[in-house]
Amino acid sequence: MPALDLRQRETHRVMIAVMDWHKLETFSFGDSSEIADELLALVLEGKKRATCWAVSEGLKGAALAKCMVALDGAHRPRAVLQTVELAQHRFDEVGEAFAFDEGEGDRSLAYWRKAHRRYFTRLSLYRPDMMLWCERFKLVSAIALE
């Protein structure tokens, strides 16, 4: 059997992870079941391809090329996501492209800043110069409700 190139090996690895998604780490978006459902719906619609969180919260299991299962507000597995980019940025330096990829509201930077300022304030973490982990991901597979 011929050797697989790097892209084929990565595709093979992801396919195995999807087939065995029960063994993957899980997470939910946001800080409430309502927000988890709202943001997950955006992922499943193809609008949301990025997320962020405070560096002070750690990596939360995220790593480049890693697959994880996104849970809905009822803690049910709904999607396998794979991290395709992971970088640190200051809150006040997040750009329009990242705000658009987050997929929320009208997808503008102004909307992103207002919504995320509100979110991080609820968590008592907000500062204009706070550091964020900014993650872009791809939807590898939706998981049907059983």
N, C-alpha and C. Protein backbone atom coordinates (compact mmCIF):
# COMPACT_ATOMS: atom_id res chain seq x y z
N MET A 1 0.85 -1.19 0.00
CA MET A 1 0.00 0.00 0.00
C MET A 1 0.89 1.25 0.00
N PRO A 2 0.64 2.20 -0.90
CA PRO A 2 1.50 3.39 -0.97
C PRO A 2 1.35 4.25 0.29
N ALA A 3 2.41 4.97 0.59
CA ALA A 3 2.39 5.87 1.75
C ALA A 3 1.37 6.99 1.50
N LEU A 4 0.68 7.38 2.56
CA LEU A 4 -0.30 8.47 2.48
C LEU A 4 0.42 9.80 2.62
N ASP A 5 0.00 10.80 1.84
CA ASP A 5 0.57 12.13 2.02
C ASP A 5 -0.02 12.75 3.28
N LEU A 6 0.53 13.87 3.69
CA LEU A 6 0.13 14.51 4.94
C LEU A 6 -1.36 14.83 4.97
N ARG A 7 -1.91 15.37 3.90
CA ARG A 7 -3.33 15.71 3.84
C ARG A 7 -4.20 14.46 3.98
N GLN A 8 -3.82 13.38 3.32
CA GLN A 8 -4.58 12.14 3.41
C GLN A 8 -4.54 11.57 4.82
N ARG A 9 -3.38 11.65 5.46
CA ARG A 9 -3.27 11.15 6.85
C ARG A 9 -4.15 11.97 7.78
N GLU A 10 -4.15 13.30 7.60
CA GLU A 10 -4.98 14.16 8.45
C GLU A 10 -6.46 13.86 8.22
N THR A 11 -6.87 13.71 6.97
CA THR A 11 -8.26 13.38 6.66
C THR A 11 -8.63 12.04 7.29
N HIS A 12 -7.74 11.07 7.20
CA HIS A 12 -7.97 9.75 7.79
C HIS A 12 -8.12 9.87 9.31
N ARG A 13 -7.24 10.66 9.95
CA ARG A 13 -7.31 10.84 11.40
C ARG A 13 -8.62 11.49 11.82
N VAL A 14 -9.06 12.50 11.07
CA VAL A 14 -10.32 13.17 11.39
C VAL A 14 -11.49 12.22 11.20
N MET A 15 -11.48 11.42 10.14
CA MET A 15 -12.56 10.47 9.91
C MET A 15 -12.67 9.47 11.05
N ILE A 16 -11.54 9.00 11.56
CA ILE A 16 -11.56 8.08 12.70
C ILE A 16 -12.13 8.79 13.92
N ALA A 17 -11.71 10.05 14.16
CA ALA A 17 -12.22 10.81 15.30
C ALA A 17 -13.73 11.00 15.21
N VAL A 18 -14.24 11.28 14.02
CA VAL A 18 -15.68 11.48 13.85
C VAL A 18 -16.42 10.18 14.10
N MET A 19 -15.91 9.08 13.57
CA MET A 19 -16.58 7.81 13.76
C MET A 19 -16.63 7.44 15.23
N ASP A 20 -15.65 7.88 15.99
CA ASP A 20 -15.56 7.53 17.40
C ASP A 20 -15.72 8.78 18.27
N TRP A 21 -16.67 9.65 17.93
CA TRP A 21 -16.83 10.93 18.61
C TRP A 21 -17.17 10.78 20.09
N HIS A 22 -17.68 9.63 20.50
CA HIS A 22 -18.01 9.42 21.92
C HIS A 22 -16.80 9.57 22.83
N LYS A 23 -15.60 9.39 22.28
CA LYS A 23 -14.38 9.46 23.08
C LYS A 23 -13.76 10.86 23.11
N LEU A 24 -14.32 11.78 22.33
CA LEU A 24 -13.76 13.14 22.26
C LEU A 24 -14.17 13.97 23.46
N GLU A 25 -13.34 14.96 23.80
CA GLU A 25 -13.70 15.93 24.84
C GLU A 25 -14.90 16.73 24.38
N THR A 26 -15.66 17.25 25.34
CA THR A 26 -16.86 18.02 25.03
C THR A 26 -16.77 19.43 25.62
N PHE A 27 -17.58 20.33 25.06
CA PHE A 27 -17.68 21.69 25.57
C PHE A 27 -19.02 22.27 25.12
N SER A 28 -19.41 23.36 25.75
CA SER A 28 -20.58 24.13 25.33
C SER A 28 -20.15 25.57 25.09
N PHE A 29 -20.80 26.23 24.15
CA PHE A 29 -20.55 27.65 23.92
C PHE A 29 -21.26 28.46 25.00
N GLY A 30 -20.69 29.62 25.36
CA GLY A 30 -21.37 30.59 26.22
C GLY A 30 -21.41 30.20 27.68
N ASP A 31 -22.32 30.91 28.41
CA ASP A 31 -22.41 30.72 29.85
C ASP A 31 -23.83 30.38 30.31
N SER A 32 -24.67 29.93 29.38
CA SER A 32 -26.03 29.50 29.74
C SER A 32 -26.52 28.51 28.69
N SER A 33 -27.55 27.77 29.05
CA SER A 33 -28.10 26.81 28.08
C SER A 33 -28.69 27.52 26.87
N GLU A 34 -29.29 28.69 27.09
CA GLU A 34 -29.86 29.45 25.97
C GLU A 34 -28.79 29.90 24.98
N ILE A 35 -27.69 30.42 25.51
CA ILE A 35 -26.61 30.87 24.64
C ILE A 35 -25.96 29.68 23.94
N ALA A 36 -25.80 28.57 24.66
CA ALA A 36 -25.23 27.36 24.04
C ALA A 36 -26.06 26.94 22.83
N ASP A 37 -27.38 26.94 22.99
CA ASP A 37 -28.26 26.56 21.88
C ASP A 37 -28.18 27.56 20.73
N GLU A 38 -28.19 28.84 21.07
CA GLU A 38 -28.15 29.90 20.04
C GLU A 38 -26.86 29.83 19.22
N LEU A 39 -25.73 29.69 19.90
CA LEU A 39 -24.45 29.67 19.19
C LEU A 39 -24.24 28.36 18.43
N LEU A 40 -24.69 27.26 18.99
CA LEU A 40 -24.59 25.99 18.29
C LEU A 40 -25.44 26.01 17.02
N ALA A 41 -26.61 26.63 17.08
CA ALA A 41 -27.46 26.74 15.89
C ALA A 41 -26.72 27.49 14.78
N LEU A 42 -25.97 28.53 15.14
CA LEU A 42 -25.19 29.28 14.15
C LEU A 42 -24.10 28.40 13.53
N VAL A 43 -23.50 27.53 14.35
CA VAL A 43 -22.49 26.60 13.83
C VAL A 43 -23.14 25.66 12.82
N LEU A 44 -24.27 25.08 13.20
CA LEU A 44 -24.94 24.10 12.33
C LEU A 44 -25.48 24.74 11.06
N GLU A 45 -25.80 26.05 11.10
CA GLU A 45 -26.25 26.78 9.91
C GLU A 45 -25.09 27.18 9.00
N GLY A 46 -23.87 27.05 9.51
CA GLY A 46 -22.70 27.41 8.72
C GLY A 46 -22.26 28.85 8.89
N LYS A 47 -22.87 29.59 9.80
CA LYS A 47 -22.52 31.00 10.01
C LYS A 47 -21.37 31.18 10.99
N LYS A 48 -21.31 30.37 12.02
CA LYS A 48 -20.30 30.52 13.07
C LYS A 48 -19.14 29.57 12.83
N ARG A 49 -17.95 30.15 12.67
CA ARG A 49 -16.74 29.37 12.45
C ARG A 49 -15.59 29.83 13.35
N ALA A 50 -15.95 30.58 14.40
CA ALA A 50 -14.92 31.07 15.32
C ALA A 50 -15.54 31.31 16.69
N THR A 51 -14.68 31.32 17.69
CA THR A 51 -15.10 31.62 19.05
C THR A 51 -13.89 32.17 19.81
N CYS A 52 -14.14 32.70 20.98
CA CYS A 52 -13.03 33.21 21.79
C CYS A 52 -13.36 33.08 23.26
N TRP A 53 -12.33 33.16 24.07
CA TRP A 53 -12.48 33.15 25.51
C TRP A 53 -11.26 33.81 26.12
N ALA A 54 -11.36 34.17 27.39
CA ALA A 54 -10.27 34.87 28.07
C ALA A 54 -9.07 33.94 28.26
N VAL A 55 -7.88 34.45 27.99
CA VAL A 55 -6.65 33.69 28.21
C VAL A 55 -6.58 33.22 29.66
N SER A 56 -7.10 34.03 30.58
CA SER A 56 -7.07 33.67 32.00
C SER A 56 -7.85 32.39 32.30
N GLU A 57 -8.71 31.96 31.36
CA GLU A 57 -9.47 30.72 31.55
C GLU A 57 -8.70 29.49 31.06
N GLY A 58 -7.51 29.70 30.53
CA GLY A 58 -6.71 28.59 30.03
C GLY A 58 -7.11 28.20 28.62
N LEU A 59 -6.57 27.11 28.14
CA LEU A 59 -6.84 26.67 26.77
C LEU A 59 -8.15 25.90 26.63
N LYS A 60 -8.73 25.49 27.72
CA LYS A 60 -10.00 24.74 27.71
C LYS A 60 -9.94 23.51 26.82
N GLY A 61 -8.78 22.91 26.74
CA GLY A 61 -8.63 21.70 25.94
C GLY A 61 -8.36 21.94 24.47
N ALA A 62 -8.44 23.16 24.00
CA ALA A 62 -8.26 23.46 22.58
C ALA A 62 -6.81 23.27 22.16
N ALA A 63 -6.63 22.78 20.93
CA ALA A 63 -5.31 22.63 20.33
C ALA A 63 -5.49 22.56 18.82
N LEU A 64 -4.51 23.03 18.09
CA LEU A 64 -4.58 22.99 16.64
C LEU A 64 -4.83 21.58 16.14
N ALA A 65 -5.77 21.44 15.21
CA ALA A 65 -6.15 20.18 14.56
C ALA A 65 -6.93 19.23 15.47
N LYS A 66 -7.17 19.63 16.71
CA LYS A 66 -7.89 18.77 17.64
C LYS A 66 -9.40 18.83 17.36
N CYS A 67 -10.04 17.69 17.47
CA CYS A 67 -11.50 17.61 17.34
C CYS A 67 -12.12 17.56 18.73
N MET A 68 -13.24 18.25 18.89
CA MET A 68 -14.01 18.23 20.14
C MET A 68 -15.48 18.19 19.78
N VAL A 69 -16.31 17.78 20.73
CA VAL A 69 -17.75 17.70 20.52
C VAL A 69 -18.41 18.89 21.20
N ALA A 70 -19.20 19.64 20.42
CA ALA A 70 -19.97 20.76 20.96
C ALA A 70 -21.31 20.22 21.47
N LEU A 71 -21.66 20.61 22.68
CA LEU A 71 -22.91 20.19 23.30
C LEU A 71 -23.95 21.30 23.18
N ASP A 72 -25.21 20.91 23.14
CA ASP A 72 -26.28 21.92 23.15
C ASP A 72 -26.60 22.30 24.59
N GLY A 73 -27.60 23.13 24.77
CA GLY A 73 -27.96 23.62 26.10
C GLY A 73 -28.45 22.56 27.05
N ALA A 74 -28.87 21.40 26.52
CA ALA A 74 -29.31 20.27 27.34
C ALA A 74 -28.17 19.26 27.52
N HIS A 75 -26.97 19.65 27.17
CA HIS A 75 -25.75 18.83 27.30
C HIS A 75 -25.77 17.60 26.40
N ARG A 76 -26.44 17.72 25.25
CA ARG A 76 -26.46 16.63 24.27
C ARG A 76 -25.42 16.91 23.20
N PRO A 77 -24.67 15.91 22.76
CA PRO A 77 -23.68 16.11 21.70
C PRO A 77 -24.36 16.43 20.38
N ARG A 78 -23.88 17.50 19.71
CA ARG A 78 -24.54 17.94 18.47
C ARG A 78 -23.60 18.14 17.30
N ALA A 79 -22.30 18.33 17.55
CA ALA A 79 -21.39 18.59 16.43
C ALA A 79 -19.96 18.25 16.81
N VAL A 80 -19.21 17.76 15.82
CA VAL A 80 -17.77 17.57 15.96
C VAL A 80 -17.12 18.75 15.26
N LEU A 81 -16.30 19.48 16.00
CA LEU A 81 -15.58 20.64 15.46
C LEU A 81 -14.09 20.38 15.53
N GLN A 82 -13.36 20.92 14.57
CA GLN A 82 -11.92 20.78 14.56
C GLN A 82 -11.28 22.17 14.54
N THR A 83 -10.36 22.41 15.45
CA THR A 83 -9.64 23.68 15.51
C THR A 83 -8.71 23.80 14.32
N VAL A 84 -8.85 24.91 13.58
CA VAL A 84 -7.98 25.15 12.43
C VAL A 84 -7.05 26.34 12.64
N GLU A 85 -7.34 27.14 13.66
CA GLU A 85 -6.47 28.28 13.99
C GLU A 85 -6.68 28.62 15.46
N LEU A 86 -5.60 28.92 16.15
CA LEU A 86 -5.68 29.26 17.57
C LEU A 86 -4.60 30.29 17.84
N ALA A 87 -5.02 31.50 18.23
CA ALA A 87 -4.07 32.59 18.45
C ALA A 87 -4.55 33.49 19.58
N GLN A 88 -3.62 34.19 20.18
CA GLN A 88 -3.96 35.16 21.22
C GLN A 88 -4.04 36.56 20.61
N HIS A 89 -5.09 37.31 21.01
CA HIS A 89 -5.26 38.70 20.60
C HIS A 89 -5.84 39.49 21.76
N ARG A 90 -5.49 40.77 21.81
CA ARG A 90 -6.14 41.65 22.79
C ARG A 90 -7.57 41.89 22.36
N PHE A 91 -8.48 42.04 23.32
CA PHE A 91 -9.88 42.30 23.03
C PHE A 91 -10.03 43.48 22.08
N ASP A 92 -9.34 44.58 22.38
CA ASP A 92 -9.50 45.79 21.57
C ASP A 92 -8.75 45.74 20.24
N GLU A 93 -8.10 44.61 19.93
CA GLU A 93 -7.41 44.45 18.66
C GLU A 93 -8.02 43.36 17.78
N VAL A 94 -9.12 42.76 18.24
CA VAL A 94 -9.81 41.76 17.41
C VAL A 94 -10.35 42.48 16.18
N GLY A 95 -10.16 41.88 15.02
CA GLY A 95 -10.53 42.53 13.77
C GLY A 95 -11.88 42.13 13.20
N GLU A 96 -12.26 42.82 12.13
CA GLU A 96 -13.54 42.60 11.48
C GLU A 96 -13.70 41.18 10.95
N ALA A 97 -12.65 40.61 10.41
CA ALA A 97 -12.75 39.26 9.84
C ALA A 97 -13.07 38.24 10.92
N PHE A 98 -12.46 38.37 12.09
CA PHE A 98 -12.74 37.43 13.17
C PHE A 98 -14.18 37.63 13.68
N ALA A 99 -14.59 38.88 13.84
CA ALA A 99 -15.96 39.17 14.28
C ALA A 99 -16.96 38.56 13.30
N PHE A 100 -16.71 38.68 12.02
CA PHE A 100 -17.58 38.10 10.99
C PHE A 100 -17.63 36.58 11.14
N ASP A 101 -16.48 35.94 11.34
CA ASP A 101 -16.42 34.49 11.47
C ASP A 101 -17.11 33.98 12.74
N GLU A 102 -17.22 34.83 13.76
CA GLU A 102 -17.97 34.43 14.96
C GLU A 102 -19.45 34.24 14.64
N GLY A 103 -19.93 34.92 13.59
CA GLY A 103 -21.26 34.64 13.07
C GLY A 103 -22.44 35.19 13.86
N GLU A 104 -22.20 36.03 14.83
CA GLU A 104 -23.27 36.50 15.71
C GLU A 104 -23.84 37.85 15.27
N GLY A 105 -25.13 38.06 15.54
CA GLY A 105 -25.77 39.33 15.23
C GLY A 105 -25.64 39.66 13.76
N ASP A 106 -25.27 40.91 13.47
CA ASP A 106 -25.10 41.32 12.06
C ASP A 106 -23.67 41.04 11.56
N ARG A 107 -22.89 40.34 12.37
CA ARG A 107 -21.53 39.90 12.06
C ARG A 107 -20.52 41.04 11.97
N SER A 108 -20.91 42.23 12.45
CA SER A 108 -20.00 43.38 12.41
C SER A 108 -19.09 43.38 13.64
N LEU A 109 -17.99 44.11 13.54
CA LEU A 109 -17.08 44.27 14.66
C LEU A 109 -17.76 45.02 15.80
N ALA A 110 -18.57 46.02 15.48
CA ALA A 110 -19.28 46.77 16.53
C ALA A 110 -20.21 45.85 17.32
N TYR A 111 -20.95 44.99 16.62
CA TYR A 111 -21.83 44.04 17.32
C TYR A 111 -20.99 43.10 18.18
N TRP A 112 -19.91 42.56 17.60
CA TRP A 112 -19.06 41.63 18.33
C TRP A 112 -18.54 42.27 19.62
N ARG A 113 -18.04 43.49 19.52
CA ARG A 113 -17.49 44.15 20.72
C ARG A 113 -18.55 44.35 21.80
N LYS A 114 -19.73 44.79 21.39
CA LYS A 114 -20.80 45.02 22.37
C LYS A 114 -21.22 43.72 23.03
N ALA A 115 -21.46 42.67 22.26
CA ALA A 115 -21.90 41.38 22.80
C ALA A 115 -20.83 40.75 23.68
N HIS A 116 -19.58 40.82 23.25
CA HIS A 116 -18.52 40.19 24.03
C HIS A 116 -18.13 41.01 25.26
N ARG A 117 -18.27 42.31 25.18
CA ARG A 117 -18.05 43.14 26.37
C ARG A 117 -19.09 42.76 27.44
N ARG A 118 -20.34 42.60 27.01
CA ARG A 118 -21.41 42.18 27.91
C ARG A 118 -21.11 40.80 28.50
N TYR A 119 -20.71 39.86 27.67
CA TYR A 119 -20.41 38.49 28.11
C TYR A 119 -19.26 38.47 29.12
N PHE A 120 -18.14 39.09 28.76
CA PHE A 120 -16.99 39.06 29.66
C PHE A 120 -17.24 39.87 30.94
N THR A 121 -18.09 40.87 30.87
CA THR A 121 -18.47 41.61 32.08
C THR A 121 -19.27 40.70 33.02
N ARG A 122 -20.19 39.91 32.47
CA ARG A 122 -20.95 38.95 33.29
C ARG A 122 -20.02 38.00 34.02
N LEU A 123 -18.91 37.66 33.38
CA LEU A 123 -17.93 36.74 33.98
C LEU A 123 -16.91 37.46 34.86
N SER A 124 -17.06 38.78 35.00
CA SER A 124 -16.12 39.62 35.76
C SER A 124 -14.70 39.54 35.20
N LEU A 125 -14.58 39.44 33.88
CA LEU A 125 -13.28 39.33 33.23
C LEU A 125 -12.96 40.49 32.30
N TYR A 126 -13.96 41.31 31.98
CA TYR A 126 -13.76 42.30 30.92
C TYR A 126 -12.76 43.39 31.27
N ARG A 127 -11.85 43.62 30.32
CA ARG A 127 -10.96 44.77 30.27
C ARG A 127 -10.70 45.02 28.79
N PRO A 128 -10.65 46.25 28.35
CA PRO A 128 -10.40 46.52 26.92
C PRO A 128 -9.11 45.89 26.41
N ASP A 129 -8.12 45.73 27.30
CA ASP A 129 -6.84 45.17 26.88
C ASP A 129 -6.67 43.71 27.29
N MET A 130 -7.78 43.06 27.68
CA MET A 130 -7.67 41.66 28.08
C MET A 130 -7.23 40.80 26.91
N MET A 131 -6.50 39.74 27.21
CA MET A 131 -6.04 38.82 26.19
C MET A 131 -7.08 37.73 25.98
N LEU A 132 -7.29 37.39 24.71
CA LEU A 132 -8.24 36.35 24.34
C LEU A 132 -7.55 35.23 23.58
N TRP A 133 -8.07 34.04 23.74
CA TRP A 133 -7.77 32.96 22.81
C TRP A 133 -8.81 33.10 21.71
N CYS A 134 -8.38 33.27 20.49
CA CYS A 134 -9.27 33.38 19.33
C CYS A 134 -9.09 32.12 18.50
N GLU A 135 -10.17 31.36 18.40
CA GLU A 135 -10.12 30.07 17.72
C GLU A 135 -11.02 30.09 16.50
N ARG A 136 -10.49 29.60 15.39
CA ARG A 136 -11.30 29.31 14.22
C ARG A 136 -11.41 27.80 14.13
N PHE A 137 -12.57 27.33 13.71
CA PHE A 137 -12.80 25.90 13.64
C PHE A 137 -13.61 25.57 12.40
N LYS A 138 -13.64 24.29 12.08
CA LYS A 138 -14.52 23.85 10.99
C LYS A 138 -15.47 22.80 11.56
N LEU A 139 -16.65 22.77 10.98
CA LEU A 139 -17.64 21.76 11.33
C LEU A 139 -17.25 20.49 10.59
N VAL A 140 -16.85 19.48 11.32
CA VAL A 140 -16.47 18.21 10.71
C VAL A 140 -17.71 17.36 10.48
N SER A 141 -18.60 17.37 11.48
CA SER A 141 -19.81 16.55 11.36
C SER A 141 -20.87 17.03 12.34
N ALA A 142 -22.10 17.09 11.88
CA ALA A 142 -23.23 17.30 12.79
C ALA A 142 -23.56 15.95 13.42
N ILE A 143 -24.04 15.96 14.64
CA ILE A 143 -24.45 14.73 15.32
C ILE A 143 -25.96 14.79 15.51
N ALA A 144 -26.65 13.84 14.94
CA ALA A 144 -28.11 13.80 15.02
C ALA A 144 -28.55 13.48 16.45
N LEU A 145 -29.65 14.09 16.84
CA LEU A 145 -30.22 13.77 18.15
C LEU A 145 -30.78 12.35 18.11
N GLU A 146 -30.53 11.64 19.19
CA GLU A 146 -31.03 10.25 19.24
C GLU A 146 -32.33 10.18 19.98
